[in-house]
């Protein structure tokens, strides 16, 4: 499309919808990051947003981010519970440290990929 060609209304709507979905993904990454400081409740809010908006992101480039965020929440929660339950023995503290590092890595990697306009890529 040339610079001087008008953009059709449906293209503007798609762009706005894409921007809105991208903003939601950004908000969920922020909520996940804040969960370290407020006891995890914002992480729960973020995954609820993911599930509510999942149908809207189907087939878009934002969908892998939503899947990434949901997996980060559930796997982090699972290992966090395992670490908490075993924290009375020393191994639990290492599990909690490891899961914290892993969750931070996933939040940062996902947010950077979102900023670059591409899906997050697993190791």
PDB file of N, CA and C in Angstrom:
ATOM      1  N   UNK A   1       0.838  -1.170   0.000  1.00  0.00           N
ATOM      2  CA  UNK A   1       0.000   0.000   0.000  1.00  0.00           C
ATOM      3  C   UNK A   1       0.885   1.235   0.000  1.00  0.00           C
ATOM      4  N   UNK A   2       0.633   2.158  -0.869  1.00  0.00           N
ATOM      5  CA  UNK A   2       1.406   3.391  -0.952  1.00  0.00           C
ATOM      6  C   UNK A   2       1.031   4.308   0.208  1.00  0.00           C
ATOM      7  N   UNK A   3       1.924   5.230   0.512  1.00  0.00           N
ATOM      8  CA  UNK A   3       1.690   6.129   1.632  1.00  0.00           C
ATOM      9  C   UNK A   3       0.477   7.027   1.444  1.00  0.00           C
ATOM     10  N   UNK A   4       0.168   7.355   0.195  1.00  0.00           N
ATOM     11  CA  UNK A   4      -0.926   8.290  -0.031  1.00  0.00           C
ATOM     12  C   UNK A   4      -2.270   7.604  -0.268  1.00  0.00           C
ATOM     13  N   UNK A   5      -2.313   6.271  -0.233  1.00  0.00           N
ATOM     14  CA  UNK A   5      -3.578   5.567  -0.407  1.00  0.00           C
ATOM     15  C   UNK A   5      -4.350   5.576   0.902  1.00  0.00           C
ATOM     16  N   UNK A   6      -5.653   5.778   0.813  1.00  0.00           N
ATOM     17  CA  UNK A   6      -6.445   5.774   2.046  1.00  0.00           C
ATOM     18  C   UNK A   6      -6.548   4.365   2.634  1.00  0.00           C
ATOM     19  N   UNK A   7      -6.665   4.313   3.924  1.00  0.00           N
ATOM     20  CA  UNK A   7      -6.852   3.042   4.616  1.00  0.00           C
ATOM     21  C   UNK A   7      -8.348   2.814   4.761  1.00  0.00           C
ATOM     22  N   UNK A   8      -8.788   1.622   4.383  1.00  0.00           N
ATOM     23  CA  UNK A   8     -10.210   1.310   4.503  1.00  0.00           C
ATOM     24  C   UNK A   8     -10.586   1.206   5.975  1.00  0.00           C
ATOM     25  N   UNK A   9     -11.856   1.421   6.254  1.00  0.00           N
ATOM     26  CA  UNK A   9     -12.354   1.418   7.629  1.00  0.00           C
ATOM     27  C   UNK A   9     -12.107   0.084   8.319  1.00  0.00           C
ATOM     28  N   UNK A  10     -12.289  -1.034   7.593  1.00  0.00           N
ATOM     29  CA  UNK A  10     -12.103  -2.325   8.230  1.00  0.00           C
ATOM     30  C   UNK A  10     -10.651  -2.558   8.636  1.00  0.00           C
ATOM     31  N   UNK A  11      -9.701  -1.972   7.896  1.00  0.00           N
ATOM     32  CA  UNK A  11      -8.296  -2.083   8.274  1.00  0.00           C
ATOM     33  C   UNK A  11      -8.018  -1.312   9.551  1.00  0.00           C
ATOM     34  N   UNK A  12      -8.631  -0.142   9.696  1.00  0.00           N
ATOM     35  CA  UNK A  12      -8.465   0.631  10.918  1.00  0.00           C
ATOM     36  C   UNK A  12      -9.047  -0.123  12.105  1.00  0.00           C
ATOM     37  N   UNK A  13     -10.183  -0.751  11.901  1.00  0.00           N
ATOM     38  CA  UNK A  13     -10.806  -1.519  12.974  1.00  0.00           C
ATOM     39  C   UNK A  13      -9.901  -2.669  13.393  1.00  0.00           C
ATOM     40  N   UNK A  14      -9.315  -3.376  12.418  1.00  0.00           N
ATOM     41  CA  UNK A  14      -8.408  -4.477  12.727  1.00  0.00           C
ATOM     42  C   UNK A  14      -7.174  -3.968  13.469  1.00  0.00           C
ATOM     43  N   UNK A  15      -6.638  -2.813  13.038  1.00  0.00           N
ATOM     44  CA  UNK A  15      -5.470  -2.246  13.714  1.00  0.00           C
ATOM     45  C   UNK A  15      -5.799  -1.885  15.155  1.00  0.00           C
ATOM     46  N   UNK A  16      -6.969  -1.247  15.357  1.00  0.00           N
ATOM     47  CA  UNK A  16      -7.375  -0.879  16.706  1.00  0.00           C
ATOM     48  C   UNK A  16      -7.582  -2.111  17.575  1.00  0.00           C
ATOM     49  N   UNK A  17      -8.196  -3.150  16.991  1.00  0.00           N
ATOM     50  CA  UNK A  17      -8.428  -4.391  17.730  1.00  0.00           C
ATOM     51  C   UNK A  17      -7.083  -5.018  18.103  1.00  0.00           C
ATOM     52  N   UNK A  18      -6.148  -5.042  17.157  1.00  0.00           N
ATOM     53  CA  UNK A  18      -4.818  -5.587  17.436  1.00  0.00           C
ATOM     54  C   UNK A  18      -4.099  -4.802  18.511  1.00  0.00           C
ATOM     55  N   UNK A  19      -4.212  -3.475  18.464  1.00  0.00           N
ATOM     56  CA  UNK A  19      -3.589  -2.643  19.493  1.00  0.00           C
ATOM     57  C   UNK A  19      -4.221  -2.903  20.858  1.00  0.00           C
ATOM     58  N   UNK A  20      -5.537  -3.067  20.876  1.00  0.00           N
ATOM     59  CA  UNK A  20      -6.232  -3.334  22.126  1.00  0.00           C
ATOM     60  C   UNK A  20      -5.798  -4.668  22.728  1.00  0.00           C
ATOM     61  N   UNK A  21      -5.711  -5.699  21.886  1.00  0.00           N
ATOM     62  CA  UNK A  21      -5.285  -7.015  22.363  1.00  0.00           C
ATOM     63  C   UNK A  21      -3.834  -6.988  22.822  1.00  0.00           C
ATOM     64  N   UNK A  22      -3.004  -6.240  22.113  1.00  0.00           N
ATOM     65  CA  UNK A  22      -1.605  -6.104  22.518  1.00  0.00           C
ATOM     66  C   UNK A  22      -1.517  -5.418  23.876  1.00  0.00           C
ATOM     67  N   UNK A  23      -2.331  -4.389  24.077  1.00  0.00           N
ATOM     68  CA  UNK A  23      -2.342  -3.690  25.357  1.00  0.00           C
ATOM     69  C   UNK A  23      -2.785  -4.611  26.495  1.00  0.00           C
ATOM     70  N   UNK A  24      -3.721  -5.502  26.212  1.00  0.00           N
ATOM     71  CA  UNK A  24      -4.154  -6.461  27.221  1.00  0.00           C
ATOM     72  C   UNK A  24      -2.999  -7.398  27.578  1.00  0.00           C
ATOM     73  N   UNK A  25      -2.264  -7.860  26.565  1.00  0.00           N
ATOM     74  CA  UNK A  25      -1.114  -8.737  26.819  1.00  0.00           C
ATOM     75  C   UNK A  25      -0.057  -8.001  27.652  1.00  0.00           C
ATOM     76  N   UNK A  26       0.171  -6.728  27.347  1.00  0.00           N
ATOM     77  CA  UNK A  26       1.120  -5.934  28.138  1.00  0.00           C
ATOM     78  C   UNK A  26       0.635  -5.852  29.584  1.00  0.00           C
ATOM     79  N   UNK A  27      -0.651  -5.587  29.762  1.00  0.00           N
ATOM     80  CA  UNK A  27      -1.206  -5.472  31.112  1.00  0.00           C
ATOM     81  C   UNK A  27      -1.031  -6.775  31.893  1.00  0.00           C
ATOM     82  N   UNK A  28      -1.218  -7.909  31.226  1.00  0.00           N
ATOM     83  CA  UNK A  28      -1.066  -9.193  31.918  1.00  0.00           C
ATOM     84  C   UNK A  28       0.388  -9.423  32.307  1.00  0.00           C
ATOM     85  N   UNK A  29       1.337  -9.067  31.436  1.00  0.00           N
ATOM     86  CA  UNK A  29       2.750  -9.189  31.824  1.00  0.00           C
ATOM     87  C   UNK A  29       3.044  -8.314  33.046  1.00  0.00           C
ATOM     88  N   UNK A  30       2.483  -7.112  33.086  1.00  0.00           N
ATOM     89  CA  UNK A  30       2.684  -6.225  34.231  1.00  0.00           C
ATOM     90  C   UNK A  30       2.058  -6.841  35.484  1.00  0.00           C
ATOM     91  N   UNK A  31       0.845  -7.378  35.355  1.00  0.00           N
ATOM     92  CA  UNK A  31       0.195  -8.018  36.501  1.00  0.00           C
ATOM     93  C   UNK A  31       1.004  -9.207  37.007  1.00  0.00           C
ATOM     94  N   UNK A  32       1.561  -9.980  36.084  1.00  0.00           N
ATOM     95  CA  UNK A  32       2.392 -11.111  36.504  1.00  0.00           C
ATOM     96  C   UNK A  32       3.632 -10.621  37.247  1.00  0.00           C
ATOM     97  N   UNK A  33       4.239  -9.561  36.768  1.00  0.00           N
ATOM     98  CA  UNK A  33       5.434  -9.031  37.442  1.00  0.00           C
ATOM     99  C   UNK A  33       5.077  -8.481  38.819  1.00  0.00           C
ATOM    100  N   UNK A  34       3.942  -7.804  38.918  1.00  0.00           N
ATOM    101  CA  UNK A  34       3.528  -7.248  40.207  1.00  0.00           C
ATOM    102  C   UNK A  34       3.202  -8.328  41.229  1.00  0.00           C
ATOM    103  N   UNK A  35       2.891  -9.524  40.760  1.00  0.00           N
ATOM    104  CA  UNK A  35       2.514 -10.592  41.685  1.00  0.00           C
ATOM    105  C   UNK A  35       3.639 -10.938  42.670  1.00  0.00           C
ATOM    106  N   UNK A  36       4.863 -10.624  42.317  1.00  0.00           N
ATOM    107  CA  UNK A  36       5.985 -10.861  43.229  1.00  0.00           C
ATOM    108  C   UNK A  36       5.921  -9.934  44.442  1.00  0.00           C
ATOM    109  N   UNK A  37       5.261  -8.792  44.275  1.00  0.00           N
ATOM    110  CA  UNK A  37       5.243  -7.787  45.333  1.00  0.00           C
ATOM    111  C   UNK A  37       3.946  -7.762  46.131  1.00  0.00           C
ATOM    112  N   UNK A  38       2.888  -8.377  45.600  1.00  0.00           N
ATOM    113  CA  UNK A  38       1.584  -8.304  46.267  1.00  0.00           C
ATOM    114  C   UNK A  38       1.015  -9.687  46.580  1.00  0.00           C
ATOM    115  N   UNK A  39       1.867 -10.665  46.651  1.00  0.00           N
ATOM    116  CA  UNK A  39       1.427 -11.980  47.075  1.00  0.00           C
ATOM    117  C   UNK A  39       0.723 -12.819  46.034  1.00  0.00           C
ATOM    118  N   UNK A  40       0.869 -12.511  44.786  1.00  0.00           N
ATOM    119  CA  UNK A  40       0.335 -13.368  43.728  1.00  0.00           C
ATOM    120  C   UNK A  40      -1.063 -13.055  43.252  1.00  0.00           C
ATOM    121  N   UNK A  41      -1.786 -12.172  43.910  1.00  0.00           N
ATOM    122  CA  UNK A  41      -3.173 -11.904  43.530  1.00  0.00           C
ATOM    123  C   UNK A  41      -3.261 -11.263  42.145  1.00  0.00           C
ATOM    124  N   UNK A  42      -2.280 -10.451  41.775  1.00  0.00           N
ATOM    125  CA  UNK A  42      -2.323  -9.838  40.452  1.00  0.00           C
ATOM    126  C   UNK A  42      -2.037 -10.864  39.361  1.00  0.00           C
ATOM    127  N   UNK A  43      -1.245 -11.884  39.681  1.00  0.00           N
ATOM    128  CA  UNK A  43      -1.024 -12.974  38.729  1.00  0.00           C
ATOM    129  C   UNK A  43      -2.314 -13.722  38.456  1.00  0.00           C
ATOM    130  N   UNK A  44      -3.100 -13.926  39.492  1.00  0.00           N
ATOM    131  CA  UNK A  44      -4.407 -14.566  39.340  1.00  0.00           C
ATOM    132  C   UNK A  44      -5.321 -13.693  38.483  1.00  0.00           C
ATOM    133  N   UNK A  45      -5.313 -12.393  38.733  1.00  0.00           N
ATOM    134  CA  UNK A  45      -6.123 -11.481  37.918  1.00  0.00           C
ATOM    135  C   UNK A  45      -5.688 -11.546  36.450  1.00  0.00           C
ATOM    136  N   UNK A  46      -4.393 -11.630  36.220  1.00  0.00           N
ATOM    137  CA  UNK A  46      -3.881 -11.705  34.852  1.00  0.00           C
ATOM    138  C   UNK A  46      -4.340 -12.955  34.123  1.00  0.00           C
ATOM    139  N   UNK A  47      -4.294 -14.104  34.781  1.00  0.00           N
ATOM    140  CA  UNK A  47      -4.710 -15.342  34.115  1.00  0.00           C
ATOM    141  C   UNK A  47      -6.219 -15.343  33.880  1.00  0.00           C
ATOM    142  N   UNK A  48      -6.983 -14.716  34.756  1.00  0.00           N
ATOM    143  CA  UNK A  48      -8.421 -14.592  34.524  1.00  0.00           C
ATOM    144  C   UNK A  48      -8.672 -13.753  33.275  1.00  0.00           C
ATOM    145  N   UNK A  49      -7.938 -12.662  33.128  1.00  0.00           N
ATOM    146  CA  UNK A  49      -8.052 -11.838  31.918  1.00  0.00           C
ATOM    147  C   UNK A  49      -7.705 -12.665  30.691  1.00  0.00           C
ATOM    148  N   UNK A  50      -6.630 -13.460  30.774  1.00  0.00           N
ATOM    149  CA  UNK A  50      -6.252 -14.332  29.656  1.00  0.00           C
ATOM    150  C   UNK A  50      -7.410 -15.223  29.238  1.00  0.00           C
ATOM    151  N   UNK A  51      -8.035 -15.875  30.193  1.00  0.00           N
ATOM    152  CA  UNK A  51      -9.123 -16.798  29.870  1.00  0.00           C
ATOM    153  C   UNK A  51     -10.348 -16.065  29.320  1.00  0.00           C
ATOM    154  N   UNK A  52     -10.646 -14.885  29.844  1.00  0.00           N
ATOM    155  CA  UNK A  52     -11.800 -14.122  29.359  1.00  0.00           C
ATOM    156  C   UNK A  52     -11.591 -13.673  27.916  1.00  0.00           C
ATOM    157  N   UNK A  53     -10.401 -13.265  27.572  1.00  0.00           N
ATOM    158  CA  UNK A  53     -10.110 -12.708  26.246  1.00  0.00           C
ATOM    159  C   UNK A  53      -9.561 -13.733  25.252  1.00  0.00           C
ATOM    160  N   UNK A  54      -9.423 -14.995  25.652  1.00  0.00           N
ATOM    161  CA  UNK A  54      -8.806 -16.012  24.805  1.00  0.00           C
ATOM    162  C   UNK A  54      -9.491 -16.153  23.443  1.00  0.00           C
ATOM    163  N   UNK A  55     -10.813 -16.112  23.414  1.00  0.00           N
ATOM    164  CA  UNK A  55     -11.528 -16.244  22.137  1.00  0.00           C
ATOM    165  C   UNK A  55     -11.208 -15.104  21.182  1.00  0.00           C
ATOM    166  N   UNK A  56     -11.011 -13.909  21.714  1.00  0.00           N
ATOM    167  CA  UNK A  56     -10.732 -12.745  20.872  1.00  0.00           C
ATOM    168  C   UNK A  56      -9.351 -12.798  20.224  1.00  0.00           C
ATOM    169  N   UNK A  57      -8.410 -13.486  20.847  1.00  0.00           N
ATOM    170  CA  UNK A  57      -7.053 -13.523  20.302  1.00  0.00           C
ATOM    171  C   UNK A  57      -6.811 -14.727  19.400  1.00  0.00           C
ATOM    172  N   UNK A  58      -7.786 -15.627  19.292  1.00  0.00           N
ATOM    173  CA  UNK A  58      -7.628 -16.810  18.440  1.00  0.00           C
ATOM    174  C   UNK A  58      -7.230 -16.386  17.021  1.00  0.00           C
ATOM    175  N   UNK A  59      -6.154 -16.965  16.528  1.00  0.00           N
ATOM    176  CA  UNK A  59      -5.703 -16.698  15.165  1.00  0.00           C
ATOM    177  C   UNK A  59      -4.903 -15.424  14.982  1.00  0.00           C
ATOM    178  N   UNK A  60      -4.619 -14.692  16.056  1.00  0.00           N
ATOM    179  CA  UNK A  60      -3.816 -13.475  15.939  1.00  0.00           C
ATOM    180  C   UNK A  60      -2.393 -13.754  16.414  1.00  0.00           C
ATOM    181  N   UNK A  61      -1.504 -12.819  16.190  1.00  0.00           N
ATOM    182  CA  UNK A  61      -0.128 -12.993  16.636  1.00  0.00           C
ATOM    183  C   UNK A  61      -0.018 -12.829  18.154  1.00  0.00           C
ATOM    184  N   UNK A  62      -1.086 -12.367  18.796  1.00  0.00           N
ATOM    185  CA  UNK A  62      -1.099 -12.209  20.252  1.00  0.00           C
ATOM    186  C   UNK A  62      -1.413 -13.544  20.947  1.00  0.00           C
ATOM    187  N   UNK A  63      -2.065 -14.467  20.265  1.00  0.00           N
ATOM    188  CA  UNK A  63      -2.465 -15.739  20.880  1.00  0.00           C
ATOM    189  C   UNK A  63      -1.315 -16.482  21.556  1.00  0.00           C
ATOM    190  N   UNK A  64      -0.139 -16.601  20.922  1.00  0.00           N
ATOM    191  CA  UNK A  64       0.961 -17.299  21.619  1.00  0.00           C
ATOM    192  C   UNK A  64       1.356 -16.624  22.936  1.00  0.00           C
ATOM    193  N   UNK A  65       1.192 -15.307  23.011  1.00  0.00           N
ATOM    194  CA  UNK A  65       1.504 -14.612  24.259  1.00  0.00           C
ATOM    195  C   UNK A  65       0.516 -15.008  25.354  1.00  0.00           C
ATOM    196  N   UNK A  66      -0.754 -15.120  24.993  1.00  0.00           N
ATOM    197  CA  UNK A  66      -1.748 -15.522  25.988  1.00  0.00           C
ATOM    198  C   UNK A  66      -1.464 -16.935  26.477  1.00  0.00           C
ATOM    199  N   UNK A  67      -1.135 -17.845  25.556  1.00  0.00           N
ATOM    200  CA  UNK A  67      -0.799 -19.220  25.959  1.00  0.00           C
ATOM    201  C   UNK A  67       0.437 -19.218  26.854  1.00  0.00           C
ATOM    202  N   UNK A  68       1.434 -18.427  26.487  1.00  0.00           N
ATOM    203  CA  UNK A  68       2.680 -18.294  27.253  1.00  0.00           C
ATOM    204  C   UNK A  68       2.378 -17.804  28.674  1.00  0.00           C
ATOM    205  N   UNK A  69       1.512 -16.799  28.776  1.00  0.00           N
ATOM    206  CA  UNK A  69       1.166 -16.237  30.074  1.00  0.00           C
ATOM    207  C   UNK A  69       0.398 -17.240  30.942  1.00  0.00           C
ATOM    208  N   UNK A  70      -0.530 -17.961  30.326  1.00  0.00           N
ATOM    209  CA  UNK A  70      -1.304 -18.960  31.068  1.00  0.00           C
ATOM    210  C   UNK A  70      -0.387 -20.074  31.570  1.00  0.00           C
ATOM    211  N   UNK A  71       0.496 -20.559  30.707  1.00  0.00           N
ATOM    212  CA  UNK A  71       1.427 -21.622  31.122  1.00  0.00           C
ATOM    213  C   UNK A  71       2.367 -21.132  32.216  1.00  0.00           C
ATOM    214  N   UNK A  72       2.826 -19.903  32.090  1.00  0.00           N
ATOM    215  CA  UNK A  72       3.696 -19.347  33.118  1.00  0.00           C
ATOM    216  C   UNK A  72       2.987 -19.332  34.462  1.00  0.00           C
ATOM    217  N   UNK A  73       1.731 -18.919  34.477  1.00  0.00           N
ATOM    218  CA  UNK A  73       0.973 -18.873  35.723  1.00  0.00           C
ATOM    219  C   UNK A  73       0.810 -20.258  36.326  1.00  0.00           C
ATOM    220  N   UNK A  74       0.288 -21.212  35.541  1.00  0.00           N
ATOM    221  CA  UNK A  74      -0.044 -22.524  36.101  1.00  0.00           C
ATOM    222  C   UNK A  74       1.187 -23.332  36.497  1.00  0.00           C
ATOM    223  N   UNK A  75       2.215 -23.311  35.665  1.00  0.00           N
ATOM    224  CA  UNK A  75       3.435 -24.046  36.012  1.00  0.00           C
ATOM    225  C   UNK A  75       4.118 -23.380  37.206  1.00  0.00           C
ATOM    226  N   UNK A  76       4.144 -22.044  37.222  1.00  0.00           N
ATOM    227  CA  UNK A  76       4.710 -21.332  38.359  1.00  0.00           C
ATOM    228  C   UNK A  76       3.946 -21.615  39.641  1.00  0.00           C
ATOM    229  N   UNK A  77       2.622 -21.658  39.552  1.00  0.00           N
ATOM    230  CA  UNK A  77       1.813 -21.973  40.730  1.00  0.00           C
ATOM    231  C   UNK A  77       2.083 -23.391  41.224  1.00  0.00           C
ATOM    232  N   UNK A  78       2.119 -24.349  40.294  1.00  0.00           N
ATOM    233  CA  UNK A  78       2.379 -25.739  40.677  1.00  0.00           C
ATOM    234  C   UNK A  78       3.704 -25.869  41.417  1.00  0.00           C
ATOM    235  N   UNK A  79       4.774 -25.339  40.822  1.00  0.00           N
ATOM    236  CA  UNK A  79       6.083 -25.455  41.457  1.00  0.00           C
ATOM    237  C   UNK A  79       6.194 -24.585  42.705  1.00  0.00           C
ATOM    238  N   UNK A  80       5.458 -23.472  42.740  1.00  0.00           N
ATOM    239  CA  UNK A  80       5.427 -22.657  43.947  1.00  0.00           C
ATOM    240  C   UNK A  80       4.798 -23.402  45.111  1.00  0.00           C
ATOM    241  N   UNK A  81       3.717 -24.118  44.831  1.00  0.00           N
ATOM    242  CA  UNK A  81       3.072 -24.927  45.879  1.00  0.00           C
ATOM    243  C   UNK A  81       4.006 -26.048  46.326  1.00  0.00           C
ATOM    244  N   UNK A  82       4.634 -26.721  45.355  1.00  0.00           N
ATOM    245  CA  UNK A  82       5.585 -27.790  45.713  1.00  0.00           C
ATOM    246  C   UNK A  82       6.719 -27.219  46.567  1.00  0.00           C
ATOM    247  N   UNK A  83       7.237 -26.064  46.190  1.00  0.00           N
ATOM    248  CA  UNK A  83       8.301 -25.429  46.971  1.00  0.00           C
ATOM    249  C   UNK A  83       7.831 -25.039  48.357  1.00  0.00           C
ATOM    250  N   UNK A  84       6.614 -24.512  48.449  1.00  0.00           N
ATOM    251  CA  UNK A  84       6.079 -24.120  49.756  1.00  0.00           C
ATOM    252  C   UNK A  84       5.883 -25.325  50.661  1.00  0.00           C
ATOM    253  N   UNK A  85       5.304 -26.387  50.099  1.00  0.00           N
ATOM    254  CA  UNK A  85       5.046 -27.595  50.889  1.00  0.00           C
ATOM    255  C   UNK A  85       6.348 -28.218  51.379  1.00  0.00           C
ATOM    256  N   UNK A  86       7.379 -28.147  50.572  1.00  0.00           N
ATOM    257  CA  UNK A  86       8.663 -28.747  50.957  1.00  0.00           C
ATOM    258  C   UNK A  86       9.619 -27.736  51.594  1.00  0.00           C
ATOM    259  N   UNK A  87       9.130 -26.552  51.917  1.00  0.00           N
ATOM    260  CA  UNK A  87      10.019 -25.524  52.470  1.00  0.00           C
ATOM    261  C   UNK A  87      10.502 -25.844  53.878  1.00  0.00           C
ATOM    262  N   UNK A  88       9.827 -26.769  54.560  1.00  0.00           N
ATOM    263  CA  UNK A  88      10.308 -27.149  55.889  1.00  0.00           C
ATOM    264  C   UNK A  88      11.593 -27.968  55.785  1.00  0.00           C
ATOM    265  N   UNK A  89      11.842 -28.538  54.602  1.00  0.00           N
ATOM    266  CA  UNK A  89      13.155 -29.125  54.340  1.00  0.00           C
ATOM    267  C   UNK A  89      13.857 -28.184  53.371  1.00  0.00           C
ATOM    268  N   UNK A  90      15.115 -28.213  53.346  1.00  0.00           N
ATOM    269  CA  UNK A  90      15.892 -27.201  52.614  1.00  0.00           C
ATOM    270  C   UNK A  90      15.593 -27.173  51.114  1.00  0.00           C
ATOM    271  N   UNK A  91      15.262 -28.291  50.528  1.00  0.00           N
ATOM    272  CA  UNK A  91      15.034 -28.344  49.076  1.00  0.00           C
ATOM    273  C   UNK A  91      13.919 -27.400  48.626  1.00  0.00           C
ATOM    274  N   UNK A  92      12.925 -27.180  49.490  1.00  0.00           N
ATOM    275  CA  UNK A  92      11.804 -26.301  49.140  1.00  0.00           C
ATOM    276  C   UNK A  92      12.240 -24.880  48.843  1.00  0.00           C
ATOM    277  N   UNK A  93      13.222 -24.391  49.583  1.00  0.00           N
ATOM    278  CA  UNK A  93      13.719 -23.032  49.351  1.00  0.00           C
ATOM    279  C   UNK A  93      14.411 -22.924  47.993  1.00  0.00           C
ATOM    280  N   UNK A  94      15.117 -23.981  47.613  1.00  0.00           N
ATOM    281  CA  UNK A  94      15.752 -23.983  46.289  1.00  0.00           C
ATOM    282  C   UNK A  94      14.708 -24.049  45.177  1.00  0.00           C
ATOM    283  N   UNK A  95      13.661 -24.819  45.420  1.00  0.00           N
ATOM    284  CA  UNK A  95      12.570 -24.890  44.437  1.00  0.00           C
ATOM    285  C   UNK A  95      11.925 -23.517  44.290  1.00  0.00           C
ATOM    286  N   UNK A  96      11.647 -22.850  45.396  1.00  0.00           N
ATOM    287  CA  UNK A  96      11.028 -21.515  45.340  1.00  0.00           C
ATOM    288  C   UNK A  96      11.929 -20.507  44.628  1.00  0.00           C
ATOM    289  N   UNK A  97      13.227 -20.583  44.904  1.00  0.00           N
ATOM    290  CA  UNK A  97      14.169 -19.691  44.210  1.00  0.00           C
ATOM    291  C   UNK A  97      14.184 -19.988  42.713  1.00  0.00           C
ATOM    292  N   UNK A  98      14.237 -21.270  42.373  1.00  0.00           N
ATOM    293  CA  UNK A  98      14.264 -21.654  40.964  1.00  0.00           C
ATOM    294  C   UNK A  98      13.003 -21.236  40.223  1.00  0.00           C
ATOM    295  N   UNK A  99      11.844 -21.434  40.838  1.00  0.00           N
ATOM    296  CA  UNK A  99      10.596 -21.069  40.163  1.00  0.00           C
ATOM    297  C   UNK A  99      10.487 -19.549  40.036  1.00  0.00           C
ATOM    298  N   UNK A 100      10.974 -18.804  41.023  1.00  0.00           N
ATOM    299  CA  UNK A 100      10.952 -17.341  40.919  1.00  0.00           C
ATOM    300  C   UNK A 100      11.808 -16.863  39.751  1.00  0.00           C
ATOM    301  N   UNK A 101      12.994 -17.434  39.614  1.00  0.00           N
ATOM    302  CA  UNK A 101      13.875 -17.066  38.498  1.00  0.00           C
ATOM    303  C   UNK A 101      13.225 -17.441  37.170  1.00  0.00           C
ATOM    304  N   UNK A 102      12.626 -18.634  37.111  1.00  0.00           N
ATOM    305  CA  UNK A 102      11.990 -19.103  35.882  1.00  0.00           C
ATOM    306  C   UNK A 102      10.817 -18.199  35.481  1.00  0.00           C
ATOM    307  N   UNK A 103       9.989 -17.811  36.449  1.00  0.00           N
ATOM    308  CA  UNK A 103       8.839 -16.949  36.155  1.00  0.00           C
ATOM    309  C   UNK A 103       9.316 -15.566  35.695  1.00  0.00           C
ATOM    310  N   UNK A 104      10.308 -15.018  36.359  1.00  0.00           N
ATOM    311  CA  UNK A 104      10.848 -13.716  35.935  1.00  0.00           C
ATOM    312  C   UNK A 104      11.389 -13.811  34.510  1.00  0.00           C
ATOM    313  N   UNK A 105      12.113 -14.875  34.216  1.00  0.00           N
ATOM    314  CA  UNK A 105      12.643 -15.093  32.869  1.00  0.00           C
ATOM    315  C   UNK A 105      11.505 -15.110  31.849  1.00  0.00           C
ATOM    316  N   UNK A 106      10.434 -15.849  32.140  1.00  0.00           N
ATOM    317  CA  UNK A 106       9.313 -15.962  31.203  1.00  0.00           C
ATOM    318  C   UNK A 106       8.597 -14.627  31.014  1.00  0.00           C
ATOM    319  N   UNK A 107       8.447 -13.864  32.080  1.00  0.00           N
ATOM    320  CA  UNK A 107       7.798 -12.555  31.960  1.00  0.00           C
ATOM    321  C   UNK A 107       8.646 -11.632  31.084  1.00  0.00           C
ATOM    322  N   UNK A 108       9.930 -11.580  31.356  1.00  0.00           N
ATOM    323  CA  UNK A 108      10.825 -10.697  30.593  1.00  0.00           C
ATOM    324  C   UNK A 108      10.905 -11.136  29.140  1.00  0.00           C
ATOM    325  N   UNK A 109      11.102 -12.431  28.901  1.00  0.00           N
ATOM    326  CA  UNK A 109      11.213 -12.928  27.529  1.00  0.00           C
ATOM    327  C   UNK A 109       9.923 -12.671  26.750  1.00  0.00           C
ATOM    328  N   UNK A 110       8.784 -12.927  27.376  1.00  0.00           N
ATOM    329  CA  UNK A 110       7.508 -12.697  26.709  1.00  0.00           C
ATOM    330  C   UNK A 110       7.266 -11.228  26.420  1.00  0.00           C
ATOM    331  N   UNK A 111       7.551 -10.375  27.396  1.00  0.00           N
ATOM    332  CA  UNK A 111       7.334  -8.938  27.212  1.00  0.00           C
ATOM    333  C   UNK A 111       8.241  -8.377  26.115  1.00  0.00           C
ATOM    334  N   UNK A 112       9.487  -8.827  26.073  1.00  0.00           N
ATOM    335  CA  UNK A 112      10.397  -8.363  25.016  1.00  0.00           C
ATOM    336  C   UNK A 112       9.932  -8.826  23.633  1.00  0.00           C
ATOM    337  N   UNK A 113       9.462 -10.058  23.553  1.00  0.00           N
ATOM    338  CA  UNK A 113       8.947 -10.559  22.274  1.00  0.00           C
ATOM    339  C   UNK A 113       7.704  -9.779  21.863  1.00  0.00           C
ATOM    340  N   UNK A 114       6.828  -9.487  22.808  1.00  0.00           N
ATOM    341  CA  UNK A 114       5.633  -8.697  22.506  1.00  0.00           C
ATOM    342  C   UNK A 114       6.023  -7.320  21.999  1.00  0.00           C
ATOM    343  N   UNK A 115       7.005  -6.711  22.630  1.00  0.00           N
ATOM    344  CA  UNK A 115       7.484  -5.405  22.203  1.00  0.00           C
ATOM    345  C   UNK A 115       8.038  -5.442  20.781  1.00  0.00           C
ATOM    346  N   UNK A 116       8.652  -6.570  20.409  1.00  0.00           N
ATOM    347  CA  UNK A 116       9.204  -6.722  19.056  1.00  0.00           C
ATOM    348  C   UNK A 116       8.160  -7.162  18.036  1.00  0.00           C
ATOM    349  N   UNK A 117       6.943  -7.429  18.486  1.00  0.00           N
ATOM    350  CA  UNK A 117       5.871  -7.830  17.577  1.00  0.00           C
ATOM    351  C   UNK A 117       5.972  -9.264  17.114  1.00  0.00           C
ATOM    352  N   UNK A 118       6.553 -10.127  17.949  1.00  0.00           N
ATOM    353  CA  UNK A 118       6.688 -11.529  17.575  1.00  0.00           C
ATOM    354  C   UNK A 118       6.257 -12.393  18.755  1.00  0.00           C
ATOM    355  N   UNK A 119       5.954 -13.666  18.492  1.00  0.00           N
ATOM    356  CA  UNK A 119       5.551 -14.551  19.587  1.00  0.00           C
ATOM    357  C   UNK A 119       6.755 -14.946  20.434  1.00  0.00           C
ATOM    358  N   UNK A 120       6.528 -15.269  21.708  1.00  0.00           N
ATOM    359  CA  UNK A 120       7.641 -15.753  22.537  1.00  0.00           C
ATOM    360  C   UNK A 120       8.059 -17.151  22.058  1.00  0.00           C
ATOM    361  N   UNK A 121       9.337 -17.390  22.067  1.00  0.00           N
ATOM    362  CA  UNK A 121       9.847 -18.683  21.593  1.00  0.00           C
ATOM    363  C   UNK A 121      10.437 -19.446  22.765  1.00  0.00           C
ATOM    364  N   UNK A 122      10.013 -20.696  22.933  1.00  0.00           N
ATOM    365  CA  UNK A 122      10.595 -21.488  24.019  1.00  0.00           C
ATOM    366  C   UNK A 122      12.074 -21.750  23.768  1.00  0.00           C
ATOM    367  N   UNK A 123      12.761 -22.155  24.837  1.00  0.00           N
ATOM    368  CA  UNK A 123      14.197 -22.433  24.727  1.00  0.00           C
ATOM    369  C   UNK A 123      14.459 -23.309  23.588  1.00  0.00           C
TER     370      UNK A 123
END
